[in-house]
């Protein structure tokens, strides 16, 4: 069973990792890259998706770490 998607979001001048639907941050980091690394570890462990946001809150990138039911051919 897959866990919650992990979001990297701006947070009070820093970057936070938040599980989807959570109000509180799982962790807070000084740089976006540190937050991405932390969130990627969680997403891999939970077989969920990593969603990286821009400073304005828009989605920048997504990375799936779950079992894809429709893997690409080729």
PDB file of N, CA and C in Angstrom:
ATOM      1  N   UNK A   1       0.838  -1.183   0.000  1.00  0.00           N
ATOM      2  CA  UNK A   1       0.000   0.000   0.000  1.00  0.00           C
ATOM      3  C   UNK A   1       0.880   1.242   0.000  1.00  0.00           C
ATOM      4  N   UNK A   2       0.548   2.181  -0.864  1.00  0.00           N
ATOM      5  CA  UNK A   2       1.354   3.392  -0.989  1.00  0.00           C
ATOM      6  C   UNK A   2       1.050   4.363   0.145  1.00  0.00           C
ATOM      7  N   UNK A   3       2.070   5.136   0.516  1.00  0.00           N
ATOM      8  CA  UNK A   3       1.916   6.141   1.556  1.00  0.00           C
ATOM      9  C   UNK A   3       1.455   7.461   0.966  1.00  0.00           C
ATOM     10  N   UNK A   4       1.511   8.497   1.779  1.00  0.00           N
ATOM     11  CA  UNK A   4       1.099   9.832   1.347  1.00  0.00           C
ATOM     12  C   UNK A   4       2.129  10.428   0.402  1.00  0.00           C
ATOM     13  N   UNK A   5       1.647  11.155  -0.605  1.00  0.00           N
ATOM     14  CA  UNK A   5       2.556  11.904  -1.466  1.00  0.00           C
ATOM     15  C   UNK A   5       3.280  12.942  -0.621  1.00  0.00           C
ATOM     16  N   UNK A   6       4.543  13.176  -0.926  1.00  0.00           N
ATOM     17  CA  UNK A   6       5.371  14.115  -0.180  1.00  0.00           C
ATOM     18  C   UNK A   6       5.558  15.385  -0.995  1.00  0.00           C
ATOM     19  N   UNK A   7       5.242  16.528  -0.383  1.00  0.00           N
ATOM     20  CA  UNK A   7       5.341  17.817  -1.058  1.00  0.00           C
ATOM     21  C   UNK A   7       6.485  18.636  -0.463  1.00  0.00           C
ATOM     22  N   UNK A   8       7.291  19.243  -1.340  1.00  0.00           N
ATOM     23  CA  UNK A   8       8.328  20.190  -0.927  1.00  0.00           C
ATOM     24  C   UNK A   8       7.754  21.578  -1.196  1.00  0.00           C
ATOM     25  N   UNK A   9       7.541  22.343  -0.128  1.00  0.00           N
ATOM     26  CA  UNK A   9       6.847  23.626  -0.238  1.00  0.00           C
ATOM     27  C   UNK A   9       7.620  24.731   0.481  1.00  0.00           C
ATOM     28  N   UNK A  10       7.464  25.991   0.018  1.00  0.00           N
ATOM     29  CA  UNK A  10       8.085  27.108   0.743  1.00  0.00           C
ATOM     30  C   UNK A  10       7.449  27.250   2.121  1.00  0.00           C
ATOM     31  N   UNK A  11       8.284  27.600   3.119  1.00  0.00           N
ATOM     32  CA  UNK A  11       7.795  27.668   4.496  1.00  0.00           C
ATOM     33  C   UNK A  11       8.600  28.686   5.293  1.00  0.00           C
ATOM     34  N   UNK A  12       8.032  29.874   5.480  1.00  0.00           N
ATOM     35  CA  UNK A  12       8.653  30.915   6.308  1.00  0.00           C
ATOM     36  C   UNK A  12      10.111  31.193   5.936  1.00  0.00           C
ATOM     37  N   UNK A  13      10.365  31.352   4.664  1.00  0.00           N
ATOM     38  CA  UNK A  13      11.722  31.657   4.202  1.00  0.00           C
ATOM     39  C   UNK A  13      12.612  30.435   4.067  1.00  0.00           C
ATOM     40  N   UNK A  14      12.079  29.269   4.369  1.00  0.00           N
ATOM     41  CA  UNK A  14      12.826  28.017   4.223  1.00  0.00           C
ATOM     42  C   UNK A  14      11.984  27.074   3.363  1.00  0.00           C
ATOM     43  N   UNK A  15      12.311  25.791   3.401  1.00  0.00           N
ATOM     44  CA  UNK A  15      11.587  24.792   2.621  1.00  0.00           C
ATOM     45  C   UNK A  15      11.146  23.662   3.541  1.00  0.00           C
ATOM     46  N   UNK A  16       9.899  23.246   3.380  1.00  0.00           N
ATOM     47  CA  UNK A  16       9.340  22.202   4.235  1.00  0.00           C
ATOM     48  C   UNK A  16       8.950  20.983   3.418  1.00  0.00           C
ATOM     49  N   UNK A  17       8.987  19.836   4.078  1.00  0.00           N
ATOM     50  CA  UNK A  17       8.455  18.591   3.542  1.00  0.00           C
ATOM     51  C   UNK A  17       7.145  18.345   4.273  1.00  0.00           C
ATOM     52  N   UNK A  18       6.069  18.173   3.493  1.00  0.00           N
ATOM     53  CA  UNK A  18       4.758  17.909   4.091  1.00  0.00           C
ATOM     54  C   UNK A  18       4.123  16.712   3.405  1.00  0.00           C
ATOM     55  N   UNK A  19       3.585  15.804   4.204  1.00  0.00           N
ATOM     56  CA  UNK A  19       2.787  14.718   3.658  1.00  0.00           C
ATOM     57  C   UNK A  19       1.479  15.302   3.149  1.00  0.00           C
ATOM     58  N   UNK A  20       0.967  14.763   2.056  1.00  0.00           N
ATOM     59  CA  UNK A  20      -0.261  15.288   1.462  1.00  0.00           C
ATOM     60  C   UNK A  20      -1.397  15.302   2.473  1.00  0.00           C
ATOM     61  N   UNK A  21      -2.037  16.456   2.615  1.00  0.00           N
ATOM     62  CA  UNK A  21      -3.154  16.601   3.536  1.00  0.00           C
ATOM     63  C   UNK A  21      -2.756  16.982   4.953  1.00  0.00           C
ATOM     64  N   UNK A  22      -1.470  16.954   5.256  1.00  0.00           N
ATOM     65  CA  UNK A  22      -1.002  17.301   6.601  1.00  0.00           C
ATOM     66  C   UNK A  22      -0.931  18.816   6.773  1.00  0.00           C
ATOM     67  N   UNK A  23      -1.265  19.291   7.970  1.00  0.00           N
ATOM     68  CA  UNK A  23      -1.124  20.704   8.293  1.00  0.00           C
ATOM     69  C   UNK A  23       0.309  21.031   8.715  1.00  0.00           C
ATOM     70  N   UNK A  24       0.910  20.131   9.456  1.00  0.00           N
ATOM     71  CA  UNK A  24       2.272  20.342   9.968  1.00  0.00           C
ATOM     72  C   UNK A  24       3.312  19.783   9.015  1.00  0.00           C
ATOM     73  N   UNK A  25       4.460  20.439   9.021  1.00  0.00           N
ATOM     74  CA  UNK A  25       5.584  19.974   8.211  1.00  0.00           C
ATOM     75  C   UNK A  25       6.229  18.759   8.873  1.00  0.00           C
ATOM     76  N   UNK A  26       6.635  17.819   8.061  1.00  0.00           N
ATOM     77  CA  UNK A  26       7.395  16.665   8.543  1.00  0.00           C
ATOM     78  C   UNK A  26       8.794  17.122   8.945  1.00  0.00           C
ATOM     79  N   UNK A  27       9.375  18.007   8.116  1.00  0.00           N
ATOM     80  CA  UNK A  27      10.699  18.571   8.398  1.00  0.00           C
ATOM     81  C   UNK A  27      10.832  19.907   7.676  1.00  0.00           C
ATOM     82  N   UNK A  28      11.736  20.754   8.167  1.00  0.00           N
ATOM     83  CA  UNK A  28      12.003  22.067   7.575  1.00  0.00           C
ATOM     84  C   UNK A  28      13.501  22.164   7.300  1.00  0.00           C
ATOM     85  N   UNK A  29      13.854  22.726   6.127  1.00  0.00           N
ATOM     86  CA  UNK A  29      15.245  22.764   5.683  1.00  0.00           C
ATOM     87  C   UNK A  29      15.604  24.150   5.180  1.00  0.00           C
ATOM     88  N   UNK A  30      16.876  24.486   5.245  1.00  0.00           N
ATOM     89  CA  UNK A  30      17.373  25.783   4.806  1.00  0.00           C
ATOM     90  C   UNK A  30      17.372  25.958   3.302  1.00  0.00           C
ATOM     91  N   UNK A  31      17.505  24.857   2.555  1.00  0.00           N
ATOM     92  CA  UNK A  31      17.520  24.947   1.092  1.00  0.00           C
ATOM     93  C   UNK A  31      16.473  24.003   0.503  1.00  0.00           C
ATOM     94  N   UNK A  32      16.054  24.323  -0.708  1.00  0.00           N
ATOM     95  CA  UNK A  32      15.095  23.462  -1.388  1.00  0.00           C
ATOM     96  C   UNK A  32      15.709  22.088  -1.661  1.00  0.00           C
ATOM     97  N   UNK A  33      16.986  22.045  -2.025  1.00  0.00           N
ATOM     98  CA  UNK A  33      17.629  20.761  -2.331  1.00  0.00           C
ATOM     99  C   UNK A  33      17.654  19.842  -1.116  1.00  0.00           C
ATOM    100  N   UNK A  34      17.916  20.392   0.065  1.00  0.00           N
ATOM    101  CA  UNK A  34      17.898  19.575   1.286  1.00  0.00           C
ATOM    102  C   UNK A  34      16.498  19.006   1.514  1.00  0.00           C
ATOM    103  N   UNK A  35      15.476  19.827   1.284  1.00  0.00           N
ATOM    104  CA  UNK A  35      14.101  19.372   1.453  1.00  0.00           C
ATOM    105  C   UNK A  35      13.751  18.298   0.421  1.00  0.00           C
ATOM    106  N   UNK A  36      14.206  18.482  -0.818  1.00  0.00           N
ATOM    107  CA  UNK A  36      13.952  17.495  -1.867  1.00  0.00           C
ATOM    108  C   UNK A  36      14.590  16.162  -1.502  1.00  0.00           C
ATOM    109  N   UNK A  37      15.835  16.183  -1.038  1.00  0.00           N
ATOM    110  CA  UNK A  37      16.526  14.947  -0.660  1.00  0.00           C
ATOM    111  C   UNK A  37      15.780  14.217   0.449  1.00  0.00           C
ATOM    112  N   UNK A  38      15.318  14.960   1.444  1.00  0.00           N
ATOM    113  CA  UNK A  38      14.581  14.369   2.558  1.00  0.00           C
ATOM    114  C   UNK A  38      13.251  13.792   2.078  1.00  0.00           C
ATOM    115  N   UNK A  39      12.527  14.563   1.281  1.00  0.00           N
ATOM    116  CA  UNK A  39      11.225  14.115   0.779  1.00  0.00           C
ATOM    117  C   UNK A  39      11.369  12.903  -0.139  1.00  0.00           C
ATOM    118  N   UNK A  40      12.438  12.872  -0.929  1.00  0.00           N
ATOM    119  CA  UNK A  40      12.656  11.735  -1.826  1.00  0.00           C
ATOM    120  C   UNK A  40      12.878  10.444  -1.025  1.00  0.00           C
ATOM    121  N   UNK A  41      13.626  10.531   0.063  1.00  0.00           N
ATOM    122  CA  UNK A  41      13.831   9.354   0.916  1.00  0.00           C
ATOM    123  C   UNK A  41      12.512   8.844   1.482  1.00  0.00           C
ATOM    124  N   UNK A  42      11.667   9.759   1.929  1.00  0.00           N
ATOM    125  CA  UNK A  42      10.362   9.376   2.475  1.00  0.00           C
ATOM    126  C   UNK A  42       9.500   8.757   1.378  1.00  0.00           C
ATOM    127  N   UNK A  43       9.451   9.403   0.207  1.00  0.00           N
ATOM    128  CA  UNK A  43       8.634   8.909  -0.904  1.00  0.00           C
ATOM    129  C   UNK A  43       9.081   7.521  -1.353  1.00  0.00           C
ATOM    130  N   UNK A  44      10.385   7.295  -1.395  1.00  0.00           N
ATOM    131  CA  UNK A  44      10.893   5.962  -1.759  1.00  0.00           C
ATOM    132  C   UNK A  44      10.461   4.918  -0.734  1.00  0.00           C
ATOM    133  N   UNK A  45      10.611   5.258   0.528  1.00  0.00           N
ATOM    134  CA  UNK A  45      10.250   4.330   1.604  1.00  0.00           C
ATOM    135  C   UNK A  45       8.746   4.023   1.581  1.00  0.00           C
ATOM    136  N   UNK A  46       7.930   5.035   1.318  1.00  0.00           N
ATOM    137  CA  UNK A  46       6.473   4.859   1.330  1.00  0.00           C
ATOM    138  C   UNK A  46       5.904   4.492  -0.035  1.00  0.00           C
ATOM    139  N   UNK A  47       6.759   4.410  -1.043  1.00  0.00           N
ATOM    140  CA  UNK A  47       6.347   4.124  -2.416  1.00  0.00           C
ATOM    141  C   UNK A  47       5.240   5.087  -2.850  1.00  0.00           C
ATOM    142  N   UNK A  48       5.530   6.373  -2.712  1.00  0.00           N
ATOM    143  CA  UNK A  48       4.569   7.414  -3.054  1.00  0.00           C
ATOM    144  C   UNK A  48       5.195   8.387  -4.038  1.00  0.00           C
ATOM    145  N   UNK A  49       4.536   9.511  -4.254  1.00  0.00           N
ATOM    146  CA  UNK A  49       5.015  10.489  -5.221  1.00  0.00           C
ATOM    147  C   UNK A  49       5.646  11.685  -4.516  1.00  0.00           C
ATOM    148  N   UNK A  50       6.697  12.206  -5.129  1.00  0.00           N
ATOM    149  CA  UNK A  50       7.359  13.418  -4.658  1.00  0.00           C
ATOM    150  C   UNK A  50       6.870  14.568  -5.533  1.00  0.00           C
ATOM    151  N   UNK A  51       6.354  15.633  -4.905  1.00  0.00           N
ATOM    152  CA  UNK A  51       5.852  16.805  -5.627  1.00  0.00           C
ATOM    153  C   UNK A  51       6.654  18.008  -5.157  1.00  0.00           C
ATOM    154  N   UNK A  52       7.381  18.634  -6.079  1.00  0.00           N
ATOM    155  CA  UNK A  52       8.238  19.778  -5.758  1.00  0.00           C
ATOM    156  C   UNK A  52       7.549  21.057  -6.232  1.00  0.00           C
ATOM    157  N   UNK A  53       7.411  22.018  -5.322  1.00  0.00           N
ATOM    158  CA  UNK A  53       6.747  23.279  -5.631  1.00  0.00           C
ATOM    159  C   UNK A  53       7.766  24.390  -5.834  1.00  0.00           C
ATOM    160  N   UNK A  54       7.378  25.407  -6.578  1.00  0.00           N
ATOM    161  CA  UNK A  54       8.180  26.614  -6.774  1.00  0.00           C
ATOM    162  C   UNK A  54       7.963  27.548  -5.581  1.00  0.00           C
ATOM    163  N   UNK A  55       8.781  28.589  -5.451  1.00  0.00           N
ATOM    164  CA  UNK A  55       8.586  29.540  -4.351  1.00  0.00           C
ATOM    165  C   UNK A  55       7.187  30.174  -4.322  1.00  0.00           C
ATOM    166  N   UNK A  56       6.534  30.285  -5.498  1.00  0.00           N
ATOM    167  CA  UNK A  56       5.188  30.866  -5.534  1.00  0.00           C
ATOM    168  C   UNK A  56       4.098  29.828  -5.273  1.00  0.00           C
ATOM    169  N   UNK A  57       4.487  28.580  -5.000  1.00  0.00           N
ATOM    170  CA  UNK A  57       3.534  27.526  -4.669  1.00  0.00           C
ATOM    171  C   UNK A  57       3.114  26.645  -5.835  1.00  0.00           C
ATOM    172  N   UNK A  58       3.389  27.077  -7.072  1.00  0.00           N
ATOM    173  CA  UNK A  58       3.036  26.250  -8.228  1.00  0.00           C
ATOM    174  C   UNK A  58       3.922  25.004  -8.276  1.00  0.00           C
ATOM    175  N   UNK A  59       3.408  23.941  -8.866  1.00  0.00           N
ATOM    176  CA  UNK A  59       4.171  22.698  -8.976  1.00  0.00           C
ATOM    177  C   UNK A  59       5.274  22.860 -10.010  1.00  0.00           C
ATOM    178  N   UNK A  60       6.488  22.506  -9.606  1.00  0.00           N
ATOM    179  CA  UNK A  60       7.663  22.586 -10.469  1.00  0.00           C
ATOM    180  C   UNK A  60       7.946  21.247 -11.133  1.00  0.00           C
ATOM    181  N   UNK A  61       7.806  20.159 -10.337  1.00  0.00           N
ATOM    182  CA  UNK A  61       8.182  18.836 -10.831  1.00  0.00           C
ATOM    183  C   UNK A  61       7.527  17.765  -9.981  1.00  0.00           C
ATOM    184  N   UNK A  62       7.387  16.570 -10.555  1.00  0.00           N
ATOM    185  CA  UNK A  62       6.878  15.408  -9.830  1.00  0.00           C
ATOM    186  C   UNK A  62       7.787  14.222 -10.125  1.00  0.00           C
ATOM    187  N   UNK A  63       7.886  13.334  -9.166  1.00  0.00           N
ATOM    188  CA  UNK A  63       8.718  12.147  -9.327  1.00  0.00           C
ATOM    189  C   UNK A  63       8.035  10.997  -8.600  1.00  0.00           C
ATOM    190  N   UNK A  64       7.667   9.957  -9.330  1.00  0.00           N
ATOM    191  CA  UNK A  64       6.954   8.831  -8.747  1.00  0.00           C
ATOM    192  C   UNK A  64       7.928   7.781  -8.217  1.00  0.00           C
ATOM    193  N   UNK A  65       7.685   7.341  -6.979  1.00  0.00           N
ATOM    194  CA  UNK A  65       8.508   6.296  -6.379  1.00  0.00           C
ATOM    195  C   UNK A  65       7.672   5.083  -6.004  1.00  0.00           C
ATOM    196  N   UNK A  66       6.475   5.003  -6.559  1.00  0.00           N
ATOM    197  CA  UNK A  66       5.591   3.876  -6.288  1.00  0.00           C
ATOM    198  C   UNK A  66       5.653   2.870  -7.413  1.00  0.00           C
ATOM    199  N   UNK A  67       4.785   1.888  -7.331  1.00  0.00           N
ATOM    200  CA  UNK A  67       4.672   0.893  -8.383  1.00  0.00           C
ATOM    201  C   UNK A  67       3.714   1.437  -9.436  1.00  0.00           C
ATOM    202  N   UNK A  68       4.231   1.740 -10.604  1.00  0.00           N
ATOM    203  CA  UNK A  68       3.438   2.320 -11.667  1.00  0.00           C
ATOM    204  C   UNK A  68       2.627   1.228 -12.340  1.00  0.00           C
ATOM    205  N   UNK A  69       1.288   1.393 -12.326  1.00  0.00           N
ATOM    206  CA  UNK A  69       0.425   0.374 -12.924  1.00  0.00           C
ATOM    207  C   UNK A  69       0.443   0.438 -14.443  1.00  0.00           C
ATOM    208  N   UNK A  70       0.939   1.534 -15.024  1.00  0.00           N
ATOM    209  CA  UNK A  70       1.030   1.686 -16.465  1.00  0.00           C
ATOM    210  C   UNK A  70       2.437   2.125 -16.840  1.00  0.00           C
ATOM    211  N   UNK A  71       3.427   1.237 -16.722  1.00  0.00           N
ATOM    212  CA  UNK A  71       4.796   1.645 -17.056  1.00  0.00           C
ATOM    213  C   UNK A  71       4.933   1.951 -18.544  1.00  0.00           C
ATOM    214  N   UNK A  72       5.789   2.885 -18.901  1.00  0.00           N
ATOM    215  CA  UNK A  72       5.972   3.221 -20.319  1.00  0.00           C
ATOM    216  C   UNK A  72       6.635   2.062 -21.063  1.00  0.00           C
ATOM    217  N   UNK A  73       6.293   1.934 -22.341  1.00  0.00           N
ATOM    218  CA  UNK A  73       6.895   0.883 -23.176  1.00  0.00           C
ATOM    219  C   UNK A  73       8.162   1.419 -23.823  1.00  0.00           C
ATOM    220  N   UNK A  74       9.104   0.506 -24.051  1.00  0.00           N
ATOM    221  CA  UNK A  74      10.247   0.888 -24.840  1.00  0.00           C
ATOM    222  C   UNK A  74      11.480   1.015 -24.092  1.00  0.00           C
TER     223      UNK A  74
END
